[in-house]
Amino acid sequence: MIVDVVRAVDTDGPEILALRHSAEDWLAERGIIQWHPREITLEQIRAQISRGEFFVARDRVQSRIVGALRLIWSDPAVWPDSDEPAGYVHGLVIDRAFSGTSMGERLLGWALRRSAEEGAQYLRLDCVETNVRLRRYYRDAGFVEVGRRDFGDVVDNGWFSVVLFERSLT
């Protein structure tokens, strides 16, 4: 399958949200804590799209979205002490029908190239500390665990302790 990774537009919001909901449900069915189901709203996604943060992988033939991610250039909530230029990936989702097709790796590869083009030294991301399977996935993709961010008393508000990953672009 040939896909183009392009900046999301407002009309992509419902499809991105549907992918997110599908991922949330899949994780919840397996008892994997990564995201709280339905914690992100369409309005939040549309705001992120309007800021130019969301990118989608669109199938060239069917023109449908098969994956999405946010790529931002600072992340003080999760990486407060970071001064180096870096790209930060959030909300990476893949259509479950394309699980096992390396679509996630392809999107991460795109984010690596895009971040390098923007002059970043690192591509960074995080995942919930207890999500062992996702941690292994990121290590297998060449990311290194470089720390942990404990959100302490905000866990009740939907935040978890996360492991910080980065991959050098130099």
Protein backbone atom coordinates (compact mmCIF):
# COMPACT_ATOMS: atom_id res chain seq x y z
CA MET A 1 0.00 0.00 0.00
CA ILE A 2 1.26 3.44 -0.91
CA VAL A 3 0.47 6.19 1.58
CA ASP A 4 1.19 9.88 1.71
CA VAL A 5 1.77 11.54 5.05
CA VAL A 6 0.21 14.98 4.91
CA ARG A 7 -0.91 17.69 7.29
CA ALA A 8 -4.41 16.97 8.55
CA VAL A 9 -7.28 19.27 7.64
CA ASP A 10 -10.34 20.05 9.74
CA THR A 11 -12.54 17.52 7.94
CA ASP A 12 -10.06 14.76 8.98
CA GLY A 13 -10.98 15.29 12.65
CA PRO A 14 -13.83 12.75 12.87
CA GLU A 15 -11.75 10.06 11.13
CA ILE A 16 -8.76 10.71 13.42
CA LEU A 17 -11.06 10.53 16.45
CA ALA A 18 -12.54 7.25 15.19
CA LEU A 19 -9.03 5.78 14.88
CA ARG A 20 -8.26 6.97 18.41
CA HIS A 21 -11.48 5.44 19.78
CA SER A 22 -10.71 2.17 18.05
CA ALA A 23 -7.22 2.14 19.60
CA GLU A 24 -8.61 3.02 23.04
CA ASP A 25 -11.13 0.17 22.82
CA TRP A 26 -8.50 -2.31 21.63
CA LEU A 27 -6.19 -1.35 24.51
CA ALA A 28 -9.00 -1.50 27.09
CA GLU A 29 -10.12 -4.95 25.89
CA ARG A 30 -6.60 -6.18 26.63
CA GLY A 31 -6.27 -4.44 29.97
CA ILE A 32 -3.51 -2.18 28.66
CA ILE A 33 -3.39 1.25 30.23
CA GLN A 34 -2.18 3.89 27.80
CA TRP A 35 -5.06 6.29 27.30
CA HIS A 36 -8.30 6.83 29.15
CA PRO A 37 -11.14 5.91 26.80
CA ARG A 38 -12.80 8.98 25.30
CA GLU A 39 -10.46 11.43 27.04
CA ILE A 40 -9.84 13.35 23.81
CA THR A 41 -12.71 15.21 22.17
CA LEU A 42 -13.31 16.14 18.56
CA GLU A 43 -12.92 19.79 19.57
CA GLN A 44 -9.44 19.07 20.97
CA ILE A 45 -8.42 17.25 17.81
CA ARG A 46 -9.74 20.08 15.64
CA ALA A 47 -7.76 22.59 17.73
CA GLN A 48 -4.60 20.50 17.28
CA ILE A 49 -5.29 20.28 13.55
CA SER A 50 -5.77 24.05 13.33
CA ARG A 51 -2.38 24.55 15.02
CA GLY A 52 -0.80 22.33 12.33
CA GLU A 53 0.10 19.54 14.76
CA PHE A 54 -1.74 16.56 13.25
CA PHE A 55 -0.54 14.57 10.26
CA VAL A 56 -2.31 11.68 8.59
CA ALA A 57 -1.20 8.73 6.52
CA ARG A 58 -3.63 8.61 3.62
CA ASP A 59 -3.98 5.60 1.33
CA ARG A 60 -3.36 6.89 -2.21
CA VAL A 61 -5.88 4.54 -3.80
CA GLN A 62 -8.83 4.80 -1.43
CA SER A 63 -7.93 8.22 0.01
CA ARG A 64 -8.79 6.96 3.49
CA ILE A 65 -6.76 7.68 6.61
CA VAL A 66 -4.87 4.61 7.80
CA GLY A 67 -2.84 6.30 10.56
CA ALA A 68 -2.26 9.60 12.30
CA LEU A 69 0.06 11.33 14.72
CA ARG A 70 0.78 14.69 16.27
CA LEU A 71 4.24 16.17 15.75
CA ILE A 72 5.02 19.16 17.93
CA TRP A 73 8.22 21.12 18.60
CA SER A 74 8.07 21.51 22.37
CA ASP A 75 6.45 19.51 25.13
CA PRO A 76 6.97 21.25 28.48
CA ALA A 77 4.24 19.23 30.22
CA VAL A 78 6.13 15.96 29.68
CA TRP A 79 9.68 17.17 28.94
CA PRO A 80 10.00 20.30 31.14
CA ASP A 81 13.81 20.43 31.30
CA SER A 82 14.49 19.94 27.61
CA ASP A 83 16.38 22.68 25.77
CA GLU A 84 17.63 20.74 22.74
CA PRO A 85 15.72 21.11 19.48
CA ALA A 86 13.43 18.09 19.21
CA GLY A 87 10.29 16.78 17.60
CA TYR A 88 7.73 15.20 19.93
CA VAL A 89 5.31 12.53 18.77
CA HIS A 90 1.94 12.14 20.46
CA GLY A 91 -1.26 10.28 19.68
CA LEU A 92 0.19 7.82 17.16
CA VAL A 93 -2.72 5.68 15.95
CA ILE A 94 -3.03 3.12 13.19
CA ASP A 95 -6.18 1.68 11.68
CA ARG A 96 -6.42 -1.77 13.32
CA ALA A 97 -7.00 -3.28 9.85
CA PHE A 98 -3.37 -2.37 9.10
CA SER A 99 -1.85 -3.83 12.24
CA GLY A 100 1.25 -5.81 11.36
CA THR A 101 1.89 -3.91 8.11
CA SER A 102 4.66 -1.70 9.55
CA MET A 103 2.42 1.37 9.29
CA GLY A 104 3.52 2.53 12.75
CA GLU A 105 7.17 2.20 11.80
CA ARG A 106 6.51 4.08 8.59
CA LEU A 107 4.88 6.96 10.47
CA LEU A 108 7.74 7.06 12.97
CA GLY A 109 10.20 7.06 10.06
CA TRP A 110 8.36 9.99 8.54
CA ALA A 111 8.48 11.84 11.90
CA LEU A 112 12.23 11.17 12.13
CA ARG A 113 12.84 12.63 8.67
CA ARG A 114 10.54 15.59 9.25
CA SER A 115 12.17 16.40 12.58
CA ALA A 116 15.65 16.21 11.05
CA GLU A 117 14.53 18.54 8.24
CA GLU A 118 13.36 21.02 10.90
CA GLY A 119 16.79 20.96 12.56
CA ALA A 120 15.85 18.82 15.55
CA GLN A 121 18.53 16.82 17.34
CA TYR A 122 16.06 14.24 18.67
CA LEU A 123 12.70 12.67 18.09
CA ARG A 124 11.01 12.12 21.44
CA LEU A 125 7.92 10.36 22.68
CA ASP A 126 6.56 8.85 25.84
CA CYS A 127 4.36 5.99 26.93
CA VAL A 128 2.75 4.83 30.13
CA GLU A 129 5.29 3.10 32.32
CA THR A 130 3.20 -0.06 32.71
CA ASN A 131 2.71 -0.52 28.94
CA VAL A 132 5.50 -3.06 28.54
CA ARG A 133 4.50 -4.03 25.01
CA LEU A 134 4.64 -0.44 23.70
CA ARG A 135 7.94 0.18 25.48
CA ARG A 136 9.42 -2.82 23.68
CA TYR A 137 7.96 -1.58 20.37
CA TYR A 138 9.68 1.79 20.76
CA ARG A 139 13.00 0.19 21.77
CA ASP A 140 12.78 -2.09 18.73
CA ALA A 141 12.21 1.06 16.62
CA GLY A 142 15.55 2.47 17.80
CA PHE A 143 14.37 4.67 20.66
CA VAL A 144 16.21 4.70 23.98
CA GLU A 145 14.58 5.07 27.37
CA VAL A 146 16.10 8.23 28.84
CA GLY A 147 13.96 8.89 31.89
CA ARG A 148 10.66 8.83 33.61
CA ARG A 149 8.13 11.54 34.35
CA ASP A 150 5.99 11.03 37.41
CA PHE A 151 2.86 13.12 37.44
CA GLY A 152 2.23 12.30 41.09
CA ASP A 153 -1.07 13.60 42.39
CA VAL A 154 -2.48 14.34 38.94
CA VAL A 155 -2.98 10.62 38.22
CA ASP A 156 -6.61 11.01 39.31
CA ASN A 157 -7.06 13.54 36.51
CA GLY A 158 -6.00 11.10 33.81
CA TRP A 159 -2.21 11.39 33.83
CA PHE A 160 0.07 8.46 34.45
CA SER A 161 3.75 8.07 35.12
CA VAL A 162 5.43 7.78 31.75
CA VAL A 163 8.73 6.57 30.36
CA LEU A 164 10.55 9.07 28.16
CA PHE A 165 12.08 7.86 24.90
CA GLU A 166 14.28 9.59 22.39
CA ARG A 167 16.12 8.79 19.22
CA SER A 168 19.08 10.85 18.12
CA LEU A 169 18.84 12.41 14.69
CA THR A 170 22.54 13.28 14.42
